[in-house]
Amino acid sequence: MWFLYGFIGLVCIGFILYYFDDVRYTYYENKLKQSTSKSIITQDSLQHLPKQIQTYLQLVGVVGKEIPKGMKLRISGQMKPNKKVDFADAKAKQTSLFSPYSRYFLMVLKMRGVKVKGFHIFHHAKAIMKIKILGIFRVVNGKGKKMNQAETVTVFNDICLFAPHALIEANVEYKEVDDYILDASFVNEGIEVSARLVFDDEGKLINFISNDRYFSQDGEEQISAPWATPVHEYKEQNGFYLPYKGDAIWQFEDEDFTYFKLTLEDVKYIS
């Protein structure tokens, strides 16, 4: 009998641990649903931006829309944590807020039949990354200054690709390299990161490259390397013309490592 009670107790604990990150994500998601005053984007709203950003925003279709206070994403794709393993199918959901900048990202992937969960939290310039096997056994618990900087780059990347109309109010300085390239610096709560924004002839943003992110397999050792997110396809999504398919690539000295092939399944803005 005691064995039965013990077994039931272990099952309950496992159930709670497995769904803990999902419950926590839902908590943050509901917390971010509160909205403030709304601002409609006009042509005048774009005048302080470089011509490349103005063209990009017009192409996306932001004029007449509201400046977003946040967004909710659903993503699918294939991911590999390191070069030695094959790609695994992945699904992710994310809720972000732009004042203060916050990001709550939950990914689930299956590696050799085993479910792995990754949970990223970014709030007030502090970042935490947790990875759990079967949603229970924690194998990565990353945090610290380098993680804070790396996640700031991710937040800036999210805005540029998936909520570009948030650039209208973002604390970004631009330097024009040529008609197709801008160097941009983004500042959030004392952390400054930079990225190169690359546009095509039509005005679409086709790559984002930053040297301010760190590659880490265990959350402890962090290696500085250029990080790029080339976009391969755009698609109309809920009234916006947005990046639909792309990659995330570490550009190591010896070779490029494509670790994520992404498809944007859905985006909804918090206004």
C-alpha atoms as a PDB file:
ATOM      1  CA  MET A   1       0.000   0.000   0.000  1.00  0.00           C
ATOM      2  CA  TRP A   2       2.766   2.423   0.915  1.00  0.00           C
ATOM      3  CA  PHE A   3       4.448   1.602  -2.377  1.00  0.00           C
ATOM      4  CA  LEU A   4       1.231   2.565  -4.189  1.00  0.00           C
ATOM      5  CA  TYR A   5       0.968   5.856  -2.314  1.00  0.00           C
ATOM      6  CA  GLY A   6       4.612   6.597  -3.080  1.00  0.00           C
ATOM      7  CA  PHE A   7       4.130   5.821  -6.762  1.00  0.00           C
ATOM      8  CA  ILE A   8       1.044   8.066  -6.961  1.00  0.00           C
ATOM      9  CA  GLY A   9       2.994  10.830  -5.219  1.00  0.00           C
ATOM     10  CA  LEU A  10       5.856  10.582  -7.713  1.00  0.00           C
ATOM     11  CA  VAL A  11       3.415  10.687 -10.619  1.00  0.00           C
ATOM     12  CA  CYS A  12       1.783  13.830  -9.201  1.00  0.00           C
ATOM     13  CA  ILE A  13       5.142  15.522  -8.636  1.00  0.00           C
ATOM     14  CA  GLY A  14       6.248  14.628 -12.153  1.00  0.00           C
ATOM     15  CA  PHE A  15       3.004  16.001 -13.582  1.00  0.00           C
ATOM     16  CA  ILE A  16       3.450  19.277 -11.704  1.00  0.00           C
ATOM     17  CA  LEU A  17       7.087  19.651 -12.776  1.00  0.00           C
ATOM     18  CA  TYR A  18       6.299  18.798 -16.387  1.00  0.00           C
ATOM     19  CA  TYR A  19       3.609  21.447 -16.712  1.00  0.00           C
ATOM     20  CA  PHE A  20       5.210  24.036 -14.421  1.00  0.00           C
ATOM     21  CA  ASP A  21       6.817  26.030 -17.250  1.00  0.00           C
ATOM     22  CA  ASP A  22       3.547  25.957 -19.227  1.00  0.00           C
ATOM     23  CA  VAL A  23       1.662  27.351 -16.226  1.00  0.00           C
ATOM     24  CA  ARG A  24       4.319  29.984 -15.648  1.00  0.00           C
ATOM     25  CA  TYR A  25       4.241  30.982 -19.333  1.00  0.00           C
ATOM     26  CA  THR A  26       0.442  31.364 -19.158  1.00  0.00           C
ATOM     27  CA  TYR A  27       0.846  33.542 -16.057  1.00  0.00           C
ATOM     28  CA  TYR A  28       3.245  35.891 -17.847  1.00  0.00           C
ATOM     29  CA  GLU A  29       1.070  35.844 -20.977  1.00  0.00           C
ATOM     30  CA  ASN A  30      -1.998  36.972 -19.017  1.00  0.00           C
ATOM     31  CA  LYS A  31       0.070  39.553 -17.176  1.00  0.00           C
ATOM     32  CA  LEU A  32       1.060  41.197 -20.454  1.00  0.00           C
ATOM     33  CA  LYS A  33      -2.470  41.494 -21.811  1.00  0.00           C
ATOM     34  CA  GLN A  34      -3.080  44.819 -20.080  1.00  0.00           C
ATOM     35  CA  SER A  35      -3.013  47.610 -22.656  1.00  0.00           C
ATOM     36  CA  THR A  36      -2.429  51.325 -22.447  1.00  0.00           C
ATOM     37  CA  SER A  37      -3.324  54.254 -24.703  1.00  0.00           C
ATOM     38  CA  LYS A  38      -3.338  53.580 -28.446  1.00  0.00           C
ATOM     39  CA  SER A  39      -1.381  55.475 -31.109  1.00  0.00           C
ATOM     40  CA  ILE A  40      -2.200  55.251 -34.822  1.00  0.00           C
ATOM     41  CA  ILE A  41       0.755  55.252 -37.235  1.00  0.00           C
ATOM     42  CA  THR A  42       0.755  57.927 -39.932  1.00  0.00           C
ATOM     43  CA  GLN A  43       3.295  58.878 -42.594  1.00  0.00           C
ATOM     44  CA  ASP A  44       4.524  61.581 -40.224  1.00  0.00           C
ATOM     45  CA  SER A  45       5.238  58.873 -37.620  1.00  0.00           C
ATOM     46  CA  LEU A  46       8.013  57.548 -39.888  1.00  0.00           C
ATOM     47  CA  GLN A  47       9.804  60.788 -40.727  1.00  0.00           C
ATOM     48  CA  HIS A  48      12.465  60.534 -37.988  1.00  0.00           C
ATOM     49  CA  LEU A  49      13.586  57.116 -39.257  1.00  0.00           C
ATOM     50  CA  PRO A  50      16.225  56.348 -41.939  1.00  0.00           C
ATOM     51  CA  LYS A  51      14.882  55.940 -45.457  1.00  0.00           C
ATOM     52  CA  GLN A  52      15.589  52.182 -45.386  1.00  0.00           C
ATOM     53  CA  ILE A  53      13.428  51.722 -42.269  1.00  0.00           C
ATOM     54  CA  GLN A  54      10.686  53.950 -43.708  1.00  0.00           C
ATOM     55  CA  THR A  55      10.576  51.874 -46.905  1.00  0.00           C
ATOM     56  CA  TYR A  56      10.579  48.639 -44.889  1.00  0.00           C
ATOM     57  CA  LEU A  57       7.719  49.760 -42.641  1.00  0.00           C
ATOM     58  CA  GLN A  58       5.637  50.917 -45.589  1.00  0.00           C
ATOM     59  CA  LEU A  59       6.219  47.569 -47.281  1.00  0.00           C
ATOM     60  CA  VAL A  60       5.178  45.722 -44.115  1.00  0.00           C
ATOM     61  CA  GLY A  61       1.996  47.817 -44.112  1.00  0.00           C
ATOM     62  CA  VAL A  62       2.147  49.630 -40.789  1.00  0.00           C
ATOM     63  CA  VAL A  63       0.589  52.973 -41.799  1.00  0.00           C
ATOM     64  CA  GLY A  64      -2.914  53.210 -40.370  1.00  0.00           C
ATOM     65  CA  LYS A  65      -2.166  50.494 -37.799  1.00  0.00           C
ATOM     66  CA  GLU A  66      -1.584  50.930 -34.071  1.00  0.00           C
ATOM     67  CA  ILE A  67       1.882  51.125 -32.545  1.00  0.00           C
ATOM     68  CA  PRO A  68       2.163  47.785 -30.709  1.00  0.00           C
ATOM     69  CA  LYS A  69       2.724  47.488 -26.975  1.00  0.00           C
ATOM     70  CA  GLY A  70       3.648  43.832 -27.352  1.00  0.00           C
ATOM     71  CA  MET A  71       3.062  40.700 -29.396  1.00  0.00           C
ATOM     72  CA  LYS A  72       2.254  36.996 -29.227  1.00  0.00           C
ATOM     73  CA  LEU A  73       3.989  34.579 -31.611  1.00  0.00           C
ATOM     74  CA  ARG A  74       3.579  30.951 -32.613  1.00  0.00           C
ATOM     75  CA  ILE A  75       6.611  29.418 -34.305  1.00  0.00           C
ATOM     76  CA  SER A  76       7.430  26.030 -35.767  1.00  0.00           C
ATOM     77  CA  GLY A  77      10.579  24.663 -37.323  1.00  0.00           C
ATOM     78  CA  GLN A  78      13.575  22.437 -36.846  1.00  0.00           C
ATOM     79  CA  MET A  79      16.350  22.899 -34.304  1.00  0.00           C
ATOM     80  CA  LYS A  80      19.655  21.281 -33.362  1.00  0.00           C
ATOM     81  CA  PRO A  81      21.431  22.277 -30.097  1.00  0.00           C
ATOM     82  CA  ASN A  82      24.873  21.365 -31.444  1.00  0.00           C
ATOM     83  CA  LYS A  83      26.624  20.194 -34.614  1.00  0.00           C
ATOM     84  CA  LYS A  84      26.713  16.529 -33.558  1.00  0.00           C
ATOM     85  CA  VAL A  85      22.951  15.901 -33.524  1.00  0.00           C
ATOM     86  CA  ASP A  86      20.291  15.896 -36.228  1.00  0.00           C
ATOM     87  CA  PHE A  87      17.565  18.503 -36.562  1.00  0.00           C
ATOM     88  CA  ALA A  88      14.521  17.908 -34.375  1.00  0.00           C
ATOM     89  CA  ASP A  89      10.993  19.210 -34.925  1.00  0.00           C
ATOM     90  CA  ALA A  90      10.239  22.161 -32.679  1.00  0.00           C
ATOM     91  CA  LYS A  91       7.256  24.286 -31.707  1.00  0.00           C
ATOM     92  CA  ALA A  92       7.398  27.501 -29.720  1.00  0.00           C
ATOM     93  CA  LYS A  93       5.187  30.237 -28.384  1.00  0.00           C
ATOM     94  CA  GLN A  94       6.254  33.658 -27.218  1.00  0.00           C
ATOM     95  CA  THR A  95       4.730  36.665 -25.533  1.00  0.00           C
ATOM     96  CA  SER A  96       6.646  39.955 -25.597  1.00  0.00           C
ATOM     97  CA  LEU A  97       6.087  43.420 -24.152  1.00  0.00           C
ATOM     98  CA  PHE A  98       7.823  46.546 -25.408  1.00  0.00           C
ATOM     99  CA  SER A  99       7.544  48.788 -22.334  1.00  0.00           C
ATOM    100  CA  PRO A 100       9.336  47.584 -20.328  1.00  0.00           C
ATOM    101  CA  TYR A 101      10.915  45.140 -22.760  1.00  0.00           C
ATOM    102  CA  SER A 102       9.969  41.631 -21.704  1.00  0.00           C
ATOM    103  CA  ARG A 103      10.118  38.283 -23.476  1.00  0.00           C
ATOM    104  CA  TYR A 104       8.651  34.942 -22.380  1.00  0.00           C
ATOM    105  CA  PHE A 105       9.539  32.130 -24.760  1.00  0.00           C
ATOM    106  CA  LEU A 106       8.615  28.447 -24.422  1.00  0.00           C
ATOM    107  CA  MET A 107       9.887  25.841 -26.909  1.00  0.00           C
ATOM    108  CA  VAL A 108       9.236  22.100 -27.059  1.00  0.00           C
ATOM    109  CA  LEU A 109      11.198  19.735 -29.292  1.00  0.00           C
ATOM    110  CA  LYS A 110      11.616  15.980 -29.588  1.00  0.00           C
ATOM    111  CA  MET A 111      15.160  14.611 -29.777  1.00  0.00           C
ATOM    112  CA  ARG A 112      15.361  10.873 -30.483  1.00  0.00           C
ATOM    113  CA  GLY A 113      11.862  10.489 -29.125  1.00  0.00           C
ATOM    114  CA  VAL A 114      12.589  12.404 -25.904  1.00  0.00           C
ATOM    115  CA  LYS A 115      10.718  15.648 -25.249  1.00  0.00           C
ATOM    116  CA  VAL A 116      12.908  18.629 -24.334  1.00  0.00           C
ATOM    117  CA  LYS A 117      11.588  21.990 -23.099  1.00  0.00           C
ATOM    118  CA  GLY A 118      13.375  25.313 -23.287  1.00  0.00           C
ATOM    119  CA  PHE A 119      12.100  28.351 -21.372  1.00  0.00           C
ATOM    120  CA  HIS A 120      13.548  31.860 -21.750  1.00  0.00           C
ATOM    121  CA  ILE A 121      12.557  34.736 -19.479  1.00  0.00           C
ATOM    122  CA  PHE A 122      13.676  38.317 -20.115  1.00  0.00           C
ATOM    123  CA  HIS A 123      12.347  41.134 -17.936  1.00  0.00           C
ATOM    124  CA  HIS A 124      13.918  44.462 -16.920  1.00  0.00           C
ATOM    125  CA  ALA A 125      17.124  43.523 -18.794  1.00  0.00           C
ATOM    126  CA  LYS A 126      17.574  40.298 -16.801  1.00  0.00           C
ATOM    127  CA  ALA A 127      17.556  36.962 -18.636  1.00  0.00           C
ATOM    128  CA  ILE A 128      17.206  33.330 -17.594  1.00  0.00           C
ATOM    129  CA  MET A 129      17.374  30.268 -19.854  1.00  0.00           C
ATOM    130  CA  LYS A 130      16.219  26.865 -18.620  1.00  0.00           C
ATOM    131  CA  ILE A 131      16.282  23.584 -20.564  1.00  0.00           C
ATOM    132  CA  LYS A 132      14.615  20.455 -19.202  1.00  0.00           C
ATOM    133  CA  ILE A 133      14.484  16.865 -20.447  1.00  0.00           C
ATOM    134  CA  LEU A 134      10.927  15.491 -20.300  1.00  0.00           C
ATOM    135  CA  GLY A 135      10.007  18.910 -18.906  1.00  0.00           C
ATOM    136  CA  ILE A 136      11.300  17.751 -15.491  1.00  0.00           C
ATOM    137  CA  PHE A 137      15.063  17.205 -15.377  1.00  0.00           C
ATOM    138  CA  ARG A 138      16.915  20.497 -15.693  1.00  0.00           C
ATOM    139  CA  VAL A 139      20.101  20.269 -17.760  1.00  0.00           C
ATOM    140  CA  VAL A 140      20.724  23.977 -18.446  1.00  0.00           C
ATOM    141  CA  ASN A 141      20.186  26.974 -16.178  1.00  0.00           C
ATOM    142  CA  GLY A 142      21.805  29.970 -17.854  1.00  0.00           C
ATOM    143  CA  LYS A 143      21.941  33.520 -16.505  1.00  0.00           C
ATOM    144  CA  GLY A 144      24.326  36.420 -15.943  1.00  0.00           C
ATOM    145  CA  LYS A 145      25.627  39.528 -17.723  1.00  0.00           C
ATOM    146  CA  LYS A 146      26.423  37.791 -21.012  1.00  0.00           C
ATOM    147  CA  MET A 147      23.003  36.158 -21.040  1.00  0.00           C
ATOM    148  CA  ASN A 148      21.376  39.544 -20.376  1.00  0.00           C
ATOM    149  CA  GLN A 149      23.254  41.044 -23.324  1.00  0.00           C
ATOM    150  CA  ALA A 150      22.501  38.097 -25.601  1.00  0.00           C
ATOM    151  CA  GLU A 151      18.782  38.229 -24.857  1.00  0.00           C
ATOM    152  CA  THR A 152      18.778  41.986 -25.473  1.00  0.00           C
ATOM    153  CA  VAL A 153      20.009  41.184 -28.990  1.00  0.00           C
ATOM    154  CA  THR A 154      17.189  38.633 -29.330  1.00  0.00           C
ATOM    155  CA  VAL A 155      14.619  41.224 -28.242  1.00  0.00           C
ATOM    156  CA  PHE A 156      15.957  43.695 -30.823  1.00  0.00           C
ATOM    157  CA  ASN A 157      15.892  40.974 -33.479  1.00  0.00           C
ATOM    158  CA  ASP A 158      12.278  40.108 -32.600  1.00  0.00           C
ATOM    159  CA  ILE A 159      11.247  43.732 -33.039  1.00  0.00           C
ATOM    160  CA  CYS A 160      13.039  44.180 -36.359  1.00  0.00           C
ATOM    161  CA  LEU A 161      11.566  41.013 -37.873  1.00  0.00           C
ATOM    162  CA  PHE A 162       8.195  40.397 -36.243  1.00  0.00           C
ATOM    163  CA  ALA A 163       7.049  43.794 -34.918  1.00  0.00           C
ATOM    164  CA  PRO A 164       8.938  46.336 -37.050  1.00  0.00           C
ATOM    165  CA  HIS A 165       6.406  49.095 -36.315  1.00  0.00           C
ATOM    166  CA  ALA A 166       7.710  49.016 -32.713  1.00  0.00           C
ATOM    167  CA  LEU A 167      10.911  50.561 -34.130  1.00  0.00           C
ATOM    168  CA  ILE A 168       9.031  53.865 -34.317  1.00  0.00           C
ATOM    169  CA  GLU A 169       9.318  54.294 -30.537  1.00  0.00           C
ATOM    170  CA  ALA A 170      12.386  52.128 -29.864  1.00  0.00           C
ATOM    171  CA  ASN A 171      15.638  53.605 -28.538  1.00  0.00           C
ATOM    172  CA  VAL A 172      17.694  52.902 -31.659  1.00  0.00           C
ATOM    173  CA  GLU A 173      20.443  54.886 -33.367  1.00  0.00           C
ATOM    174  CA  TYR A 174      21.233  54.196 -37.009  1.00  0.00           C
ATOM    175  CA  LYS A 175      24.299  54.697 -39.183  1.00  0.00           C
ATOM    176  CA  GLU A 176      23.925  54.273 -42.927  1.00  0.00           C
ATOM    177  CA  VAL A 177      26.572  52.082 -44.565  1.00  0.00           C
ATOM    178  CA  ASP A 178      25.020  52.228 -48.035  1.00  0.00           C
ATOM    179  CA  ASP A 179      21.564  52.108 -49.630  1.00  0.00           C
ATOM    180  CA  TYR A 180      21.073  48.499 -48.493  1.00  0.00           C
ATOM    181  CA  ILE A 181      22.795  48.346 -45.099  1.00  0.00           C
ATOM    182  CA  LEU A 182      22.277  50.082 -41.763  1.00  0.00           C
ATOM    183  CA  ASP A 183      24.298  49.639 -38.582  1.00  0.00           C
ATOM    184  CA  ALA A 184      21.907  49.961 -35.652  1.00  0.00           C
ATOM    185  CA  SER A 185      22.484  50.322 -31.899  1.00  0.00           C
ATOM    186  CA  PHE A 186      19.673  49.417 -29.506  1.00  0.00           C
ATOM    187  CA  VAL A 187      19.715  50.474 -25.837  1.00  0.00           C
ATOM    188  CA  ASN A 188      17.551  48.978 -23.103  1.00  0.00           C
ATOM    189  CA  GLU A 189      18.025  49.736 -19.402  1.00  0.00           C
ATOM    190  CA  GLY A 190      21.737  50.456 -19.728  1.00  0.00           C
ATOM    191  CA  ILE A 191      22.565  47.569 -22.065  1.00  0.00           C
ATOM    192  CA  GLU A 192      23.598  48.585 -25.588  1.00  0.00           C
ATOM    193  CA  VAL A 193      23.776  46.070 -28.425  1.00  0.00           C
ATOM    194  CA  SER A 194      24.438  46.497 -32.120  1.00  0.00           C
ATOM    195  CA  ALA A 195      23.382  44.783 -35.324  1.00  0.00           C
ATOM    196  CA  ARG A 196      23.799  45.181 -39.055  1.00  0.00           C
ATOM    197  CA  LEU A 197      20.477  45.352 -40.918  1.00  0.00           C
ATOM    198  CA  VAL A 198      20.568  44.250 -44.559  1.00  0.00           C
ATOM    199  CA  PHE A 199      17.781  45.109 -47.046  1.00  0.00           C
ATOM    200  CA  ASP A 200      17.061  43.958 -50.607  1.00  0.00           C
ATOM    201  CA  ASP A 201      16.103  45.996 -53.684  1.00  0.00           C
ATOM    202  CA  GLU A 202      12.416  45.884 -52.726  1.00  0.00           C
ATOM    203  CA  GLY A 203      13.103  47.174 -49.225  1.00  0.00           C
ATOM    204  CA  LYS A 204      12.586  43.940 -47.289  1.00  0.00           C
ATOM    205  CA  LEU A 205      14.824  43.241 -44.310  1.00  0.00           C
ATOM    206  CA  ILE A 206      16.678  40.078 -45.369  1.00  0.00           C
ATOM    207  CA  ASN A 207      19.327  39.722 -42.671  1.00  0.00           C
ATOM    208  CA  PHE A 208      20.158  40.785 -39.118  1.00  0.00           C
ATOM    209  CA  ILE A 209      23.761  40.208 -38.003  1.00  0.00           C
ATOM    210  CA  SER A 210      25.090  40.913 -34.507  1.00  0.00           C
ATOM    211  CA  ASN A 211      28.413  40.349 -32.732  1.00  0.00           C
ATOM    212  CA  ASP A 212      26.866  40.861 -29.290  1.00  0.00           C
ATOM    213  CA  ARG A 213      25.349  37.413 -28.736  1.00  0.00           C
ATOM    214  CA  TYR A 214      26.976  34.323 -27.204  1.00  0.00           C
ATOM    215  CA  PHE A 215      26.819  30.664 -28.193  1.00  0.00           C
ATOM    216  CA  SER A 216      26.319  28.302 -25.256  1.00  0.00           C
ATOM    217  CA  GLN A 217      25.392  24.624 -25.051  1.00  0.00           C
ATOM    218  CA  ASP A 218      25.232  24.357 -21.255  1.00  0.00           C
ATOM    219  CA  GLY A 219      24.355  27.879 -20.140  1.00  0.00           C
ATOM    220  CA  GLU A 220      27.792  28.199 -18.502  1.00  0.00           C
ATOM    221  CA  GLU A 221      30.497  28.438 -21.173  1.00  0.00           C
ATOM    222  CA  GLN A 222      29.615  31.281 -23.541  1.00  0.00           C
ATOM    223  CA  ILE A 223      31.477  31.856 -26.800  1.00  0.00           C
ATOM    224  CA  SER A 224      31.309  35.130 -28.708  1.00  0.00           C
ATOM    225  CA  ALA A 225      30.470  34.634 -32.389  1.00  0.00           C
ATOM    226  CA  PRO A 226      28.541  36.543 -35.062  1.00  0.00           C
ATOM    227  CA  TRP A 227      24.854  35.603 -35.044  1.00  0.00           C
ATOM    228  CA  ALA A 228      22.724  36.002 -38.165  1.00  0.00           C
ATOM    229  CA  THR A 229      19.033  35.505 -38.976  1.00  0.00           C
ATOM    230  CA  PRO A 230      18.636  35.538 -42.771  1.00  0.00           C
ATOM    231  CA  VAL A 231      15.052  35.699 -44.058  1.00  0.00           C
ATOM    232  CA  HIS A 232      14.118  33.504 -47.035  1.00  0.00           C
ATOM    233  CA  GLU A 233      10.418  34.240 -47.480  1.00  0.00           C
ATOM    234  CA  TYR A 234       7.810  36.874 -46.576  1.00  0.00           C
ATOM    235  CA  LYS A 235       4.078  36.306 -46.213  1.00  0.00           C
ATOM    236  CA  GLU A 236       0.915  38.283 -45.446  1.00  0.00           C
ATOM    237  CA  GLN A 237      -0.022  37.666 -41.794  1.00  0.00           C
ATOM    238  CA  ASN A 238      -3.060  39.331 -40.218  1.00  0.00           C
ATOM    239  CA  GLY A 239      -2.755  42.424 -42.389  1.00  0.00           C
ATOM    240  CA  PHE A 240       1.057  42.704 -42.228  1.00  0.00           C
ATOM    241  CA  TYR A 241       3.681  41.572 -44.763  1.00  0.00           C
ATOM    242  CA  LEU A 242       6.200  39.853 -42.474  1.00  0.00           C
ATOM    243  CA  PRO A 243       9.137  37.422 -42.527  1.00  0.00           C
ATOM    244  CA  TYR A 244       7.687  33.917 -42.779  1.00  0.00           C
ATOM    245  CA  LYS A 245      10.659  31.577 -43.144  1.00  0.00           C
ATOM    246  CA  GLY A 246      14.236  32.082 -42.021  1.00  0.00           C
ATOM    247  CA  ASP A 247      17.258  30.629 -40.261  1.00  0.00           C
ATOM    248  CA  ALA A 248      19.298  31.317 -37.152  1.00  0.00           C
ATOM    249  CA  ILE A 249      23.022  30.864 -37.789  1.00  0.00           C
ATOM    250  CA  TRP A 250      26.205  31.019 -35.729  1.00  0.00           C
ATOM    251  CA  GLN A 251      29.024  32.247 -37.953  1.00  0.00           C
ATOM    252  CA  PHE A 252      32.047  30.541 -36.424  1.00  0.00           C
ATOM    253  CA  GLU A 253      35.531  31.131 -37.811  1.00  0.00           C
ATOM    254  CA  ASP A 254      35.766  27.631 -39.316  1.00  0.00           C
ATOM    255  CA  GLU A 255      32.182  27.299 -40.573  1.00  0.00           C
ATOM    256  CA  ASP A 256      28.592  28.492 -40.286  1.00  0.00           C
ATOM    257  CA  PHE A 257      26.320  26.522 -37.976  1.00  0.00           C
ATOM    258  CA  THR A 258      22.614  26.728 -38.846  1.00  0.00           C
ATOM    259  CA  TYR A 259      20.857  25.622 -35.667  1.00  0.00           C
ATOM    260  CA  PHE A 260      17.252  26.747 -36.249  1.00  0.00           C
ATOM    261  CA  LYS A 261      15.036  26.732 -39.334  1.00  0.00           C
ATOM    262  CA  LEU A 262      12.019  28.863 -38.468  1.00  0.00           C
ATOM    263  CA  THR A 263       8.486  29.332 -39.751  1.00  0.00           C
ATOM    264  CA  LEU A 264       6.296  32.081 -38.298  1.00  0.00           C
ATOM    265  CA  GLU A 265       2.902  30.430 -37.876  1.00  0.00           C
ATOM    266  CA  ASP A 266       1.026  33.344 -36.337  1.00  0.00           C
ATOM    267  CA  VAL A 267       1.525  36.778 -34.819  1.00  0.00           C
ATOM    268  CA  LYS A 268      -0.912  38.922 -32.878  1.00  0.00           C
ATOM    269  CA  TYR A 269      -0.127  42.368 -31.512  1.00  0.00           C
ATOM    270  CA  ILE A 270      -0.962  43.758 -28.100  1.00  0.00           C
ATOM    271  CA  SER A 271      -2.112  47.365 -28.478  1.00  0.00           C
END
